[in-house]
Amino acid sequence: MLVADFDFDLPSQLIAQHPRVPAEAARLLRIDDGLADLHISDLPDILKKGDLLVCNDTAVIPARLTGLRATGGEIEITLHQRLSDCRWRAFVRPAKRLKTGEVLAIADGFEARVVEKRQGGEVEFEFNYHGEALFEAFEKYGRMPLPPYIKRDRMGDPDDRHDYQTLFAHEKGAVAAPTAGLHFTDGLLKRLRDKGIDLVKVTLHVGAGTFLPVKVDDTDDHIMHFEWARIDQDVADKINQTKARGGRVVAVGTTSLRVLETAVDRVSGKVHAFAGETGLFITPGYRFSVVDVLMTNFHLPKSTLFMLVSAFKGLDTMKKAYAHAIEKKYRFFSYGDACLLEKPKEPQ
């Protein structure tokens, strides 16, 4: 399909710069046979007893660092892919003058050595800290890697350390938040459980590639970025049990959906344990095997995520829904409102 088919005009004033408070006050556009304007707080009334929520428990690390060259020049580093206990790939500005083997000072005693320069301003670094000590250094010296459409000054907003982290965050490694999870609170979870709606967790470490523009004209030519994902056997078993008794699997976010669709046996329809990289790229025509309902935020024009939701619900339906959301002044992107998509029934 043409990438241009997934374009739409979005007024810049609808791009949310801060989350709604409280989180449950965010709006929720239900997209089923029609459109219904609701709120996140309505979820327990919408979902059914026996439904199973699947959430992403990745935790965002403060992945934006400033390195100082021996010459005195500053280098802005945005980590995006962990390679080992001490090596990461990052997008760097400016990258042109960096040399392989050069060492950047991040802080006193905290350094990053250039291992390899790649295309598009991407650089592989080796840090002089390892494992948990390295994550602690990121926490101390890094800044939250907010997407480019959220405008902050160089030092950022201290509230983003909390606001850009979901209630489920546990496994360190993401450099972008699984934003559908930002809408959940302890109170909302209690109301969902009281109705008989259970919850399980999977992991997908969201990479900065999620914000990269699609630069080709045809979706067939796009190379999807890879991200590390995991689903444990007990979680897979619970999902399979839910499906077997007629319950619905509700993916909280496109990242949770991609884990599930990566880990499914497409012949048997059973989900199995999985740990590794996924580069699953979903466009219209894809047949979903696991997910029955998708809760997700509103996505960028011509993005792989808008392509995914269009595959789930239909491009025409999503374009009409987004036009409605724009008319009704829903807030878009990471700190914005959400929509709830129910999988169309299979034709008889």
C-alpha atoms as a PDB file:
ATOM      1  CA  MET A   1       0.000   0.000   0.000  1.00  0.00           C
ATOM      2  CA  LEU A   2       1.032   3.597  -0.497  1.00  0.00           C
ATOM      3  CA  VAL A   3       2.308   5.300   2.650  1.00  0.00           C
ATOM      4  CA  ALA A   4       0.393   8.406   1.554  1.00  0.00           C
ATOM      5  CA  ASP A   5      -2.852   6.474   2.148  1.00  0.00           C
ATOM      6  CA  PHE A   6      -2.163   6.746   5.895  1.00  0.00           C
ATOM      7  CA  ASP A   7      -1.777  10.525   5.950  1.00  0.00           C
ATOM      8  CA  PHE A   8      -4.113  12.983   7.668  1.00  0.00           C
ATOM      9  CA  ASP A   9      -3.989  16.616   8.774  1.00  0.00           C
ATOM     10  CA  LEU A  10      -3.630  17.219  12.507  1.00  0.00           C
ATOM     11  CA  PRO A  11      -3.794  20.700  14.077  1.00  0.00           C
ATOM     12  CA  SER A  12      -0.660  21.171  16.177  1.00  0.00           C
ATOM     13  CA  GLN A  13      -2.677  22.434  19.146  1.00  0.00           C
ATOM     14  CA  LEU A  14      -4.120  18.920  19.578  1.00  0.00           C
ATOM     15  CA  ILE A  15      -0.694  17.417  20.338  1.00  0.00           C
ATOM     16  CA  ALA A  16      -0.723  16.897  24.108  1.00  0.00           C
ATOM     17  CA  GLN A  17       2.245  18.374  25.969  1.00  0.00           C
ATOM     18  CA  HIS A  18       1.289  17.052  29.419  1.00  0.00           C
ATOM     19  CA  PRO A  19      -0.936  14.166  30.582  1.00  0.00           C
ATOM     20  CA  ARG A  20      -4.414  14.677  31.924  1.00  0.00           C
ATOM     21  CA  VAL A  21      -4.739  14.654  35.705  1.00  0.00           C
ATOM     22  CA  PRO A  22      -6.133  12.388  36.982  1.00  0.00           C
ATOM     23  CA  ALA A  23      -5.178   9.836  34.350  1.00  0.00           C
ATOM     24  CA  GLU A  24      -8.675   8.325  34.273  1.00  0.00           C
ATOM     25  CA  ALA A  25     -10.051  11.687  33.112  1.00  0.00           C
ATOM     26  CA  ALA A  26      -8.494  11.160  29.683  1.00  0.00           C
ATOM     27  CA  ARG A  27     -11.042  10.707  26.926  1.00  0.00           C
ATOM     28  CA  LEU A  28     -11.693   7.361  25.286  1.00  0.00           C
ATOM     29  CA  LEU A  29     -13.131   7.007  21.794  1.00  0.00           C
ATOM     30  CA  ARG A  30     -14.849   3.635  21.482  1.00  0.00           C
ATOM     31  CA  ILE A  31     -14.683   2.404  17.898  1.00  0.00           C
ATOM     32  CA  ASP A  32     -17.051  -0.486  17.294  1.00  0.00           C
ATOM     33  CA  ASP A  33     -20.005  -0.457  14.898  1.00  0.00           C
ATOM     34  CA  GLY A  34     -20.137   3.271  15.554  1.00  0.00           C
ATOM     35  CA  LEU A  35     -18.254   5.895  17.579  1.00  0.00           C
ATOM     36  CA  ALA A  36     -18.866   6.696  21.241  1.00  0.00           C
ATOM     37  CA  ASP A  37     -17.217   9.516  23.205  1.00  0.00           C
ATOM     38  CA  LEU A  38     -16.311   8.168  26.641  1.00  0.00           C
ATOM     39  CA  HIS A  39     -13.560   8.408  29.260  1.00  0.00           C
ATOM     40  CA  ILE A  40     -10.894   6.024  30.548  1.00  0.00           C
ATOM     41  CA  SER A  41     -12.888   5.794  33.781  1.00  0.00           C
ATOM     42  CA  ASP A  42     -15.641   4.052  31.747  1.00  0.00           C
ATOM     43  CA  LEU A  43     -13.434   1.026  30.976  1.00  0.00           C
ATOM     44  CA  PRO A  44     -14.901  -1.221  33.725  1.00  0.00           C
ATOM     45  CA  ASP A  45     -18.360  -0.610  32.256  1.00  0.00           C
ATOM     46  CA  ILE A  46     -17.242  -1.319  28.680  1.00  0.00           C
ATOM     47  CA  LEU A  47     -15.147  -4.444  29.190  1.00  0.00           C
ATOM     48  CA  LYS A  48     -16.728  -7.791  30.092  1.00  0.00           C
ATOM     49  CA  LYS A  49     -16.281 -10.206  32.946  1.00  0.00           C
ATOM     50  CA  GLY A  50     -13.724 -12.769  31.816  1.00  0.00           C
ATOM     51  CA  ASP A  51     -11.780 -10.367  29.620  1.00  0.00           C
ATOM     52  CA  LEU A  52      -7.993 -10.461  30.055  1.00  0.00           C
ATOM     53  CA  LEU A  53      -5.897  -7.304  29.881  1.00  0.00           C
ATOM     54  CA  VAL A  54      -2.363  -7.712  28.518  1.00  0.00           C
ATOM     55  CA  CYS A  55      -0.025  -4.879  29.539  1.00  0.00           C
ATOM     56  CA  ASN A  56       3.599  -4.052  28.742  1.00  0.00           C
ATOM     57  CA  ASP A  57       5.781  -3.891  31.873  1.00  0.00           C
ATOM     58  CA  THR A  58       8.800  -2.272  30.238  1.00  0.00           C
ATOM     59  CA  ALA A  59      10.325   0.677  32.122  1.00  0.00           C
ATOM     60  CA  VAL A  60      11.643   3.766  30.353  1.00  0.00           C
ATOM     61  CA  ILE A  61      15.231   4.635  31.211  1.00  0.00           C
ATOM     62  CA  PRO A  62      16.548   8.234  31.166  1.00  0.00           C
ATOM     63  CA  ALA A  63      18.170   7.543  27.806  1.00  0.00           C
ATOM     64  CA  ARG A  64      19.109  11.072  26.737  1.00  0.00           C
ATOM     65  CA  LEU A  65      22.719  11.918  27.662  1.00  0.00           C
ATOM     66  CA  THR A  66      25.160  14.728  26.935  1.00  0.00           C
ATOM     67  CA  GLY A  67      28.732  13.707  26.127  1.00  0.00           C
ATOM     68  CA  LEU A  68      31.742  16.038  26.118  1.00  0.00           C
ATOM     69  CA  ARG A  69      34.506  15.584  23.548  1.00  0.00           C
ATOM     70  CA  ALA A  70      38.159  16.195  24.428  1.00  0.00           C
ATOM     71  CA  THR A  71      37.918  19.279  22.199  1.00  0.00           C
ATOM     72  CA  GLY A  72      35.128  20.665  24.370  1.00  0.00           C
ATOM     73  CA  GLY A  73      32.255  20.064  21.955  1.00  0.00           C
ATOM     74  CA  GLU A  74      29.001  18.655  23.277  1.00  0.00           C
ATOM     75  CA  ILE A  75      27.329  15.584  21.773  1.00  0.00           C
ATOM     76  CA  GLU A  76      23.638  14.810  22.342  1.00  0.00           C
ATOM     77  CA  ILE A  77      23.108  11.051  22.728  1.00  0.00           C
ATOM     78  CA  THR A  78      19.752   9.268  22.603  1.00  0.00           C
ATOM     79  CA  LEU A  79      20.104   5.563  23.398  1.00  0.00           C
ATOM     80  CA  HIS A  80      17.787   3.277  21.474  1.00  0.00           C
ATOM     81  CA  GLN A  81      19.021  -0.345  21.498  1.00  0.00           C
ATOM     82  CA  ARG A  82      20.811  -2.350  24.172  1.00  0.00           C
ATOM     83  CA  LEU A  83      23.422  -4.746  22.755  1.00  0.00           C
ATOM     84  CA  SER A  84      25.067  -6.061  25.933  1.00  0.00           C
ATOM     85  CA  ASP A  85      25.693  -5.146  29.579  1.00  0.00           C
ATOM     86  CA  CYS A  86      27.833  -2.210  28.500  1.00  0.00           C
ATOM     87  CA  ARG A  87      27.066  -1.548  24.810  1.00  0.00           C
ATOM     88  CA  TRP A  88      24.218   0.481  23.318  1.00  0.00           C
ATOM     89  CA  ARG A  89      23.332   1.915  19.951  1.00  0.00           C
ATOM     90  CA  ALA A  90      22.281   5.537  19.953  1.00  0.00           C
ATOM     91  CA  PHE A  91      21.240   8.370  17.695  1.00  0.00           C
ATOM     92  CA  VAL A  92      23.756  11.183  18.001  1.00  0.00           C
ATOM     93  CA  ARG A  93      23.855  14.895  17.166  1.00  0.00           C
ATOM     94  CA  PRO A  94      26.219  16.034  15.764  1.00  0.00           C
ATOM     95  CA  ALA A  95      27.750  12.751  14.629  1.00  0.00           C
ATOM     96  CA  LYS A  96      29.835  13.836  11.653  1.00  0.00           C
ATOM     97  CA  ARG A  97      33.072  14.647  13.486  1.00  0.00           C
ATOM     98  CA  LEU A  98      33.018  11.742  15.924  1.00  0.00           C
ATOM     99  CA  LYS A  99      35.776   9.200  15.354  1.00  0.00           C
ATOM    100  CA  THR A 100      35.881   5.476  16.121  1.00  0.00           C
ATOM    101  CA  GLY A 101      37.724   4.945  19.407  1.00  0.00           C
ATOM    102  CA  GLU A 102      36.961   8.445  20.674  1.00  0.00           C
ATOM    103  CA  VAL A 103      35.894   8.673  24.324  1.00  0.00           C
ATOM    104  CA  LEU A 104      33.138  11.013  25.479  1.00  0.00           C
ATOM    105  CA  ALA A 105      32.879  12.172  29.094  1.00  0.00           C
ATOM    106  CA  ILE A 106      29.290  11.915  30.361  1.00  0.00           C
ATOM    107  CA  ALA A 107      30.132  12.801  33.960  1.00  0.00           C
ATOM    108  CA  ASP A 108      33.103  12.498  36.298  1.00  0.00           C
ATOM    109  CA  GLY A 109      34.211   8.873  35.929  1.00  0.00           C
ATOM    110  CA  PHE A 110      31.385   7.985  33.493  1.00  0.00           C
ATOM    111  CA  GLU A 111      32.514   7.583  29.884  1.00  0.00           C
ATOM    112  CA  ALA A 112      31.335   6.286  26.519  1.00  0.00           C
ATOM    113  CA  ARG A 113      33.710   5.042  23.817  1.00  0.00           C
ATOM    114  CA  VAL A 114      32.729   5.152  20.141  1.00  0.00           C
ATOM    115  CA  VAL A 115      32.848   1.547  18.892  1.00  0.00           C
ATOM    116  CA  GLU A 116      31.272   2.004  15.479  1.00  0.00           C
ATOM    117  CA  LYS A 117      29.753   4.794  13.392  1.00  0.00           C
ATOM    118  CA  ARG A 118      26.711   3.796  11.365  1.00  0.00           C
ATOM    119  CA  GLN A 119      24.453   5.492   8.868  1.00  0.00           C
ATOM    120  CA  GLY A 120      21.901   8.156   9.748  1.00  0.00           C
ATOM    121  CA  GLY A 121      23.684   9.525  12.810  1.00  0.00           C
ATOM    122  CA  GLU A 122      23.639   6.169  14.586  1.00  0.00           C
ATOM    123  CA  VAL A 123      26.621   5.286  16.776  1.00  0.00           C
ATOM    124  CA  GLU A 124      27.497   2.215  18.833  1.00  0.00           C
ATOM    125  CA  PHE A 125      28.930   3.046  22.273  1.00  0.00           C
ATOM    126  CA  GLU A 126      30.699   1.023  24.925  1.00  0.00           C
ATOM    127  CA  PHE A 127      30.299   2.432  28.439  1.00  0.00           C
ATOM    128  CA  ASN A 128      32.753   1.959  31.272  1.00  0.00           C
ATOM    129  CA  TYR A 129      29.963   0.779  33.585  1.00  0.00           C
ATOM    130  CA  HIS A 130      28.202  -2.576  33.287  1.00  0.00           C
ATOM    131  CA  GLY A 131      24.816  -4.060  34.128  1.00  0.00           C
ATOM    132  CA  GLU A 132      22.880  -2.491  36.981  1.00  0.00           C
ATOM    133  CA  ALA A 133      25.657   0.054  37.627  1.00  0.00           C
ATOM    134  CA  LEU A 134      25.146   1.369  34.098  1.00  0.00           C
ATOM    135  CA  PHE A 135      21.384   1.722  34.604  1.00  0.00           C
ATOM    136  CA  GLU A 136      22.092   3.593  37.844  1.00  0.00           C
ATOM    137  CA  ALA A 137      24.366   5.967  35.932  1.00  0.00           C
ATOM    138  CA  PHE A 138      21.620   6.563  33.369  1.00  0.00           C
ATOM    139  CA  GLU A 139      19.214   7.359  36.213  1.00  0.00           C
ATOM    140  CA  LYS A 140      21.681   9.811  37.728  1.00  0.00           C
ATOM    141  CA  TYR A 141      22.920  11.608  34.617  1.00  0.00           C
ATOM    142  CA  GLY A 142      20.297  10.991  31.935  1.00  0.00           C
ATOM    143  CA  ARG A 143      17.092  12.774  30.937  1.00  0.00           C
ATOM    144  CA  MET A 144      13.805  11.193  29.913  1.00  0.00           C
ATOM    145  CA  PRO A 145      13.759  10.607  26.141  1.00  0.00           C
ATOM    146  CA  LEU A 146      10.504  12.369  25.340  1.00  0.00           C
ATOM    147  CA  PRO A 147       9.374  12.198  21.715  1.00  0.00           C
ATOM    148  CA  PRO A 148      10.196  15.229  19.557  1.00  0.00           C
ATOM    149  CA  TYR A 149       6.606  16.499  19.448  1.00  0.00           C
ATOM    150  CA  ILE A 150       6.604  17.061  23.245  1.00  0.00           C
ATOM    151  CA  LYS A 151       8.364  20.375  23.628  1.00  0.00           C
ATOM    152  CA  ARG A 152      10.676  20.913  26.589  1.00  0.00           C
ATOM    153  CA  ASP A 153      13.723  23.035  27.248  1.00  0.00           C
ATOM    154  CA  ARG A 154      17.066  21.262  27.320  1.00  0.00           C
ATOM    155  CA  MET A 155      16.830  20.127  30.945  1.00  0.00           C
ATOM    156  CA  GLY A 156      13.239  18.941  30.584  1.00  0.00           C
ATOM    157  CA  ASP A 157      10.429  18.887  33.134  1.00  0.00           C
ATOM    158  CA  PRO A 158      11.123  16.962  36.383  1.00  0.00           C
ATOM    159  CA  ASP A 159       7.514  15.694  36.349  1.00  0.00           C
ATOM    160  CA  ASP A 160       8.258  13.684  33.202  1.00  0.00           C
ATOM    161  CA  ARG A 161      10.288  11.214  35.279  1.00  0.00           C
ATOM    162  CA  HIS A 162       6.952  10.110  36.748  1.00  0.00           C
ATOM    163  CA  ASP A 163       4.510  11.082  34.012  1.00  0.00           C
ATOM    164  CA  TYR A 164       6.319   9.210  31.212  1.00  0.00           C
ATOM    165  CA  GLN A 165       6.356   5.924  33.136  1.00  0.00           C
ATOM    166  CA  THR A 166       3.429   3.505  33.365  1.00  0.00           C
ATOM    167  CA  LEU A 167       2.010   1.944  36.510  1.00  0.00           C
ATOM    168  CA  PHE A 168       3.249  -1.436  35.208  1.00  0.00           C
ATOM    169  CA  ALA A 169       6.883  -0.374  34.623  1.00  0.00           C
ATOM    170  CA  HIS A 170       9.300  -2.977  35.994  1.00  0.00           C
ATOM    171  CA  GLU A 171      11.738  -4.270  33.358  1.00  0.00           C
ATOM    172  CA  LYS A 172      14.312  -1.578  32.499  1.00  0.00           C
ATOM    173  CA  GLY A 173      15.168  -1.109  28.855  1.00  0.00           C
ATOM    174  CA  ALA A 174      12.692   1.069  26.932  1.00  0.00           C
ATOM    175  CA  VAL A 175      13.560   4.456  25.503  1.00  0.00           C
ATOM    176  CA  ALA A 176       9.925   5.322  24.817  1.00  0.00           C
ATOM    177  CA  ALA A 177       6.845   4.650  26.917  1.00  0.00           C
ATOM    178  CA  PRO A 178       4.110   2.151  25.981  1.00  0.00           C
ATOM    179  CA  THR A 179       1.711   5.059  26.227  1.00  0.00           C
ATOM    180  CA  ALA A 180      -1.651   3.276  26.465  1.00  0.00           C
ATOM    181  CA  GLY A 181      -0.509   2.099  29.895  1.00  0.00           C
ATOM    182  CA  LEU A 182      -0.137   5.682  31.111  1.00  0.00           C
ATOM    183  CA  HIS A 183      -3.914   5.900  31.604  1.00  0.00           C
ATOM    184  CA  PHE A 184      -4.103   3.248  34.345  1.00  0.00           C
ATOM    185  CA  THR A 185      -4.241   3.931  38.078  1.00  0.00           C
ATOM    186  CA  ASP A 186      -4.484   1.660  41.113  1.00  0.00           C
ATOM    187  CA  GLY A 187      -8.102   2.679  41.538  1.00  0.00           C
ATOM    188  CA  LEU A 188      -8.980   1.809  37.949  1.00  0.00           C
ATOM    189  CA  LEU A 189      -7.266  -1.580  38.232  1.00  0.00           C
ATOM    190  CA  LYS A 190      -9.245  -2.366  41.379  1.00  0.00           C
ATOM    191  CA  ARG A 191     -12.523  -1.565  39.635  1.00  0.00           C
ATOM    192  CA  LEU A 192     -11.538  -3.776  36.695  1.00  0.00           C
ATOM    193  CA  ARG A 193     -10.600  -6.688  38.968  1.00  0.00           C
ATOM    194  CA  ASP A 194     -13.803  -6.272  40.968  1.00  0.00           C
ATOM    195  CA  LYS A 195     -15.693  -6.871  37.719  1.00  0.00           C
ATOM    196  CA  GLY A 196     -13.774 -10.075  37.034  1.00  0.00           C
ATOM    197  CA  ILE A 197     -11.292  -8.656  34.523  1.00  0.00           C
ATOM    198  CA  ASP A 198      -7.807 -10.052  35.067  1.00  0.00           C
ATOM    199  CA  LEU A 199      -4.411  -8.730  33.958  1.00  0.00           C
ATOM    200  CA  VAL A 200      -1.125 -10.241  32.778  1.00  0.00           C
ATOM    201  CA  LYS A 201       2.126  -8.627  31.712  1.00  0.00           C
ATOM    202  CA  VAL A 202       4.466  -9.032  28.763  1.00  0.00           C
ATOM    203  CA  THR A 203       7.612  -7.074  27.944  1.00  0.00           C
ATOM    204  CA  LEU A 204       8.609  -5.141  24.846  1.00  0.00           C
ATOM    205  CA  HIS A 205      11.421  -2.605  25.185  1.00  0.00           C
ATOM    206  CA  VAL A 206      10.154   0.213  23.003  1.00  0.00           C
ATOM    207  CA  GLY A 207      12.936   1.717  20.892  1.00  0.00           C
ATOM    208  CA  ALA A 208      13.414   5.218  19.510  1.00  0.00           C
ATOM    209  CA  GLY A 209      12.736   3.727  16.098  1.00  0.00           C
ATOM    210  CA  THR A 210       9.039   3.969  16.956  1.00  0.00           C
ATOM    211  CA  PHE A 211       9.310   7.712  16.189  1.00  0.00           C
ATOM    212  CA  LEU A 212      11.304   7.368  12.976  1.00  0.00           C
ATOM    213  CA  PRO A 213       9.387   8.519   9.891  1.00  0.00           C
ATOM    214  CA  VAL A 214       8.518   6.052   7.164  1.00  0.00           C
ATOM    215  CA  LYS A 215      10.686   7.333   4.319  1.00  0.00           C
ATOM    216  CA  VAL A 216       9.529   5.031   1.505  1.00  0.00           C
ATOM    217  CA  ASP A 217       6.513   5.487  -0.758  1.00  0.00           C
ATOM    218  CA  ASP A 218       5.226   1.917  -0.481  1.00  0.00           C
ATOM    219  CA  THR A 219       4.769  -0.015   2.772  1.00  0.00           C
ATOM    220  CA  ASP A 220       6.324  -3.098   1.133  1.00  0.00           C
ATOM    221  CA  ASP A 221       9.664  -1.258   1.023  1.00  0.00           C
ATOM    222  CA  HIS A 222       9.753  -0.247   4.690  1.00  0.00           C
ATOM    223  CA  ILE A 223      12.238  -2.015   6.978  1.00  0.00           C
ATOM    224  CA  MET A 224      10.794  -2.263  10.470  1.00  0.00           C
ATOM    225  CA  HIS A 225      12.991  -1.561  13.498  1.00  0.00           C
ATOM    226  CA  PHE A 226      13.592  -4.498  15.853  1.00  0.00           C
ATOM    227  CA  GLU A 227      12.775  -4.453  19.555  1.00  0.00           C
ATOM    228  CA  TRP A 228      13.401  -6.997  22.318  1.00  0.00           C
ATOM    229  CA  ALA A 229      10.311  -8.758  23.650  1.00  0.00           C
ATOM    230  CA  ARG A 230       9.393 -11.506  26.115  1.00  0.00           C
ATOM    231  CA  ILE A 231       6.328 -13.461  27.135  1.00  0.00           C
ATOM    232  CA  ASP A 232       6.601 -16.087  29.872  1.00  0.00           C
ATOM    233  CA  GLN A 233       4.976 -19.526  29.657  1.00  0.00           C
ATOM    234  CA  ASP A 234       2.535 -18.898  32.518  1.00  0.00           C
ATOM    235  CA  VAL A 235       1.305 -15.756  30.766  1.00  0.00           C
ATOM    236  CA  ALA A 236       0.953 -17.617  27.476  1.00  0.00           C
ATOM    237  CA  ASP A 237      -1.009 -20.345  29.281  1.00  0.00           C
ATOM    238  CA  LYS A 238      -3.411 -17.812  30.793  1.00  0.00           C
ATOM    239  CA  ILE A 239      -4.008 -16.198  27.406  1.00  0.00           C
ATOM    240  CA  ASN A 240      -4.704 -19.577  25.818  1.00  0.00           C
ATOM    241  CA  GLN A 241      -7.077 -20.488  28.660  1.00  0.00           C
ATOM    242  CA  THR A 242      -8.928 -17.192  28.225  1.00  0.00           C
ATOM    243  CA  LYS A 243      -9.399 -17.812  24.511  1.00  0.00           C
ATOM    244  CA  ALA A 244     -10.467 -21.430  25.109  1.00  0.00           C
ATOM    245  CA  ARG A 245     -13.334 -20.411  27.414  1.00  0.00           C
ATOM    246  CA  GLY A 246     -14.534 -17.647  25.108  1.00  0.00           C
ATOM    247  CA  GLY A 247     -12.982 -14.690  26.935  1.00  0.00           C
ATOM    248  CA  ARG A 248     -11.494 -11.759  25.084  1.00  0.00           C
ATOM    249  CA  VAL A 249      -7.834 -10.743  25.019  1.00  0.00           C
ATOM    250  CA  VAL A 250      -7.511  -6.970  25.411  1.00  0.00           C
ATOM    251  CA  ALA A 251      -4.118  -5.602  24.373  1.00  0.00           C
ATOM    252  CA  VAL A 252      -3.181  -2.438  26.247  1.00  0.00           C
ATOM    253  CA  GLY A 253      -1.170  -0.731  23.533  1.00  0.00           C
ATOM    254  CA  THR A 254       0.297  -1.667  20.182  1.00  0.00           C
ATOM    255  CA  THR A 255       3.455  -2.971  21.868  1.00  0.00           C
ATOM    256  CA  SER A 256       1.515  -5.600  23.812  1.00  0.00           C
ATOM    257  CA  LEU A 257      -0.296  -6.553  20.618  1.00  0.00           C
ATOM    258  CA  ARG A 258       2.987  -7.000  18.731  1.00  0.00           C
ATOM    259  CA  VAL A 259       4.350  -9.298  21.451  1.00  0.00           C
ATOM    260  CA  LEU A 260       1.238 -11.474  21.291  1.00  0.00           C
ATOM    261  CA  GLU A 261       1.160 -11.650  17.506  1.00  0.00           C
ATOM    262  CA  THR A 262       4.884 -12.483  17.478  1.00  0.00           C
ATOM    263  CA  ALA A 263       4.476 -15.303  20.000  1.00  0.00           C
ATOM    264  CA  VAL A 264       1.481 -17.052  18.439  1.00  0.00           C
ATOM    265  CA  ASP A 265       1.553 -20.246  16.405  1.00  0.00           C
ATOM    266  CA  ARG A 266      -0.458 -19.120  13.413  1.00  0.00           C
ATOM    267  CA  VAL A 267      -1.558 -22.675  12.612  1.00  0.00           C
ATOM    268  CA  SER A 268      -2.848 -23.700  16.039  1.00  0.00           C
ATOM    269  CA  GLY A 269      -3.625 -20.196  17.291  1.00  0.00           C
ATOM    270  CA  LYS A 270      -1.841 -20.959  20.566  1.00  0.00           C
ATOM    271  CA  VAL A 271       0.454 -18.428  22.205  1.00  0.00           C
ATOM    272  CA  HIS A 272       3.804 -19.786  23.383  1.00  0.00           C
ATOM    273  CA  ALA A 273       6.680 -18.457  25.479  1.00  0.00           C
ATOM    274  CA  PHE A 274       9.012 -16.158  23.580  1.00  0.00           C
ATOM    275  CA  ALA A 275      12.163 -14.141  24.267  1.00  0.00           C
ATOM    276  CA  GLY A 276      14.036 -12.348  21.514  1.00  0.00           C
ATOM    277  CA  GLU A 277      13.739  -9.603  18.946  1.00  0.00           C
ATOM    278  CA  THR A 278      10.615  -8.840  16.978  1.00  0.00           C
ATOM    279  CA  GLY A 279      10.390  -6.741  13.855  1.00  0.00           C
ATOM    280  CA  LEU A 280       6.747  -7.536  13.157  1.00  0.00           C
ATOM    281  CA  PHE A 281       5.328  -4.915  10.779  1.00  0.00           C
ATOM    282  CA  ILE A 282       1.540  -4.985  10.596  1.00  0.00           C
ATOM    283  CA  THR A 283      -0.337  -3.379   7.707  1.00  0.00           C
ATOM    284  CA  PRO A 284      -3.855  -3.843   6.303  1.00  0.00           C
ATOM    285  CA  GLY A 285      -4.377  -7.408   5.156  1.00  0.00           C
ATOM    286  CA  TYR A 286      -2.742  -8.910   8.253  1.00  0.00           C
ATOM    287  CA  ARG A 287      -4.912 -11.530   9.983  1.00  0.00           C
ATOM    288  CA  PHE A 288      -4.839 -11.154  13.773  1.00  0.00           C
ATOM    289  CA  SER A 289      -4.651 -14.420  15.713  1.00  0.00           C
ATOM    290  CA  VAL A 290      -4.811 -13.404  19.386  1.00  0.00           C
ATOM    291  CA  VAL A 291      -6.074  -9.904  20.147  1.00  0.00           C
ATOM    292  CA  ASP A 292      -9.819  -9.221  20.286  1.00  0.00           C
ATOM    293  CA  VAL A 293      -9.752  -5.646  21.636  1.00  0.00           C
ATOM    294  CA  LEU A 294      -7.028  -3.004  21.370  1.00  0.00           C
ATOM    295  CA  MET A 295      -6.693   0.049  23.602  1.00  0.00           C
ATOM    296  CA  THR A 296      -4.244   2.550  22.181  1.00  0.00           C
ATOM    297  CA  ASN A 297      -3.464   6.243  21.966  1.00  0.00           C
ATOM    298  CA  PHE A 298      -3.870   8.317  18.794  1.00  0.00           C
ATOM    299  CA  HIS A 299      -0.887   7.953  16.460  1.00  0.00           C
ATOM    300  CA  LEU A 300       1.119  10.047  14.019  1.00  0.00           C
ATOM    301  CA  PRO A 301       0.151  10.386  10.355  1.00  0.00           C
ATOM    302  CA  LYS A 302       1.914   7.920   8.030  1.00  0.00           C
ATOM    303  CA  SER A 303       3.369   6.052  11.029  1.00  0.00           C
ATOM    304  CA  THR A 304       3.736   2.293  11.390  1.00  0.00           C
ATOM    305  CA  LEU A 305       1.397   2.504  14.393  1.00  0.00           C
ATOM    306  CA  PHE A 306      -1.403   4.154  12.418  1.00  0.00           C
ATOM    307  CA  MET A 307      -0.884   1.417   9.830  1.00  0.00           C
ATOM    308  CA  LEU A 308      -1.271  -1.187  12.590  1.00  0.00           C
ATOM    309  CA  VAL A 309      -4.566   0.205  13.917  1.00  0.00           C
ATOM    310  CA  SER A 310      -5.804   0.511  10.330  1.00  0.00           C
ATOM    311  CA  ALA A 311      -5.003  -3.177   9.861  1.00  0.00           C
ATOM    312  CA  PHE A 312      -6.927  -4.024  13.027  1.00  0.00           C
ATOM    313  CA  LYS A 313     -10.075  -2.014  12.321  1.00  0.00           C
ATOM    314  CA  GLY A 314      -9.900  -0.958   8.668  1.00  0.00           C
ATOM    315  CA  LEU A 315      -8.315   2.111   7.088  1.00  0.00           C
ATOM    316  CA  ASP A 316     -11.607   3.821   6.207  1.00  0.00           C
ATOM    317  CA  THR A 317     -12.960   3.248   9.721  1.00  0.00           C
ATOM    318  CA  MET A 318      -9.809   4.654  11.340  1.00  0.00           C
ATOM    319  CA  LYS A 319      -9.721   7.697   9.078  1.00  0.00           C
ATOM    320  CA  LYS A 320     -13.340   8.471   9.990  1.00  0.00           C
ATOM    321  CA  ALA A 321     -12.572   7.894  13.679  1.00  0.00           C
ATOM    322  CA  TYR A 322      -9.538  10.178  13.596  1.00  0.00           C
ATOM    323  CA  ALA A 323     -11.523  12.860  11.759  1.00  0.00           C
ATOM    324  CA  HIS A 324     -14.143  12.617  14.511  1.00  0.00           C
ATOM    325  CA  ALA A 325     -11.443  12.840  17.194  1.00  0.00           C
ATOM    326  CA  ILE A 326      -9.973  15.947  15.568  1.00  0.00           C
ATOM    327  CA  GLU A 327     -13.413  17.564  15.276  1.00  0.00           C
ATOM    328  CA  LYS A 328     -14.127  16.803  18.942  1.00  0.00           C
ATOM    329  CA  LYS A 329     -10.671  18.045  19.961  1.00  0.00           C
ATOM    330  CA  TYR A 330      -9.269  14.838  21.406  1.00  0.00           C
ATOM    331  CA  ARG A 331      -5.639  15.138  22.496  1.00  0.00           C
ATOM    332  CA  PHE A 332      -3.151  13.201  20.370  1.00  0.00           C
ATOM    333  CA  PHE A 333       0.058  11.162  20.783  1.00  0.00           C
ATOM    334  CA  SER A 334       1.967  10.045  23.887  1.00  0.00           C
ATOM    335  CA  TYR A 335       0.343  12.255  26.542  1.00  0.00           C
ATOM    336  CA  GLY A 336      -2.986  12.328  24.744  1.00  0.00           C
ATOM    337  CA  ASP A 337      -6.309  10.531  24.897  1.00  0.00           C
ATOM    338  CA  ALA A 338      -7.022   6.955  23.815  1.00  0.00           C
ATOM    339  CA  CYS A 339      -9.309   4.855  21.685  1.00  0.00           C
ATOM    340  CA  LEU A 340     -10.741   1.361  22.130  1.00  0.00           C
ATOM    341  CA  LEU A 341     -10.941  -0.793  19.016  1.00  0.00           C
ATOM    342  CA  GLU A 342     -12.975  -3.977  18.893  1.00  0.00           C
ATOM    343  CA  LYS A 343     -11.912  -6.499  16.281  1.00  0.00           C
ATOM    344  CA  PRO A 344     -14.414  -6.704  13.423  1.00  0.00           C
ATOM    345  CA  LYS A 345     -16.393  -9.906  13.298  1.00  0.00           C
ATOM    346  CA  GLU A 346     -15.235 -12.394  10.709  1.00  0.00           C
ATOM    347  CA  PRO A 347     -17.570 -12.577   7.678  1.00  0.00           C
ATOM    348  CA  GLN A 348     -19.819 -15.630   7.722  1.00  0.00           C
END
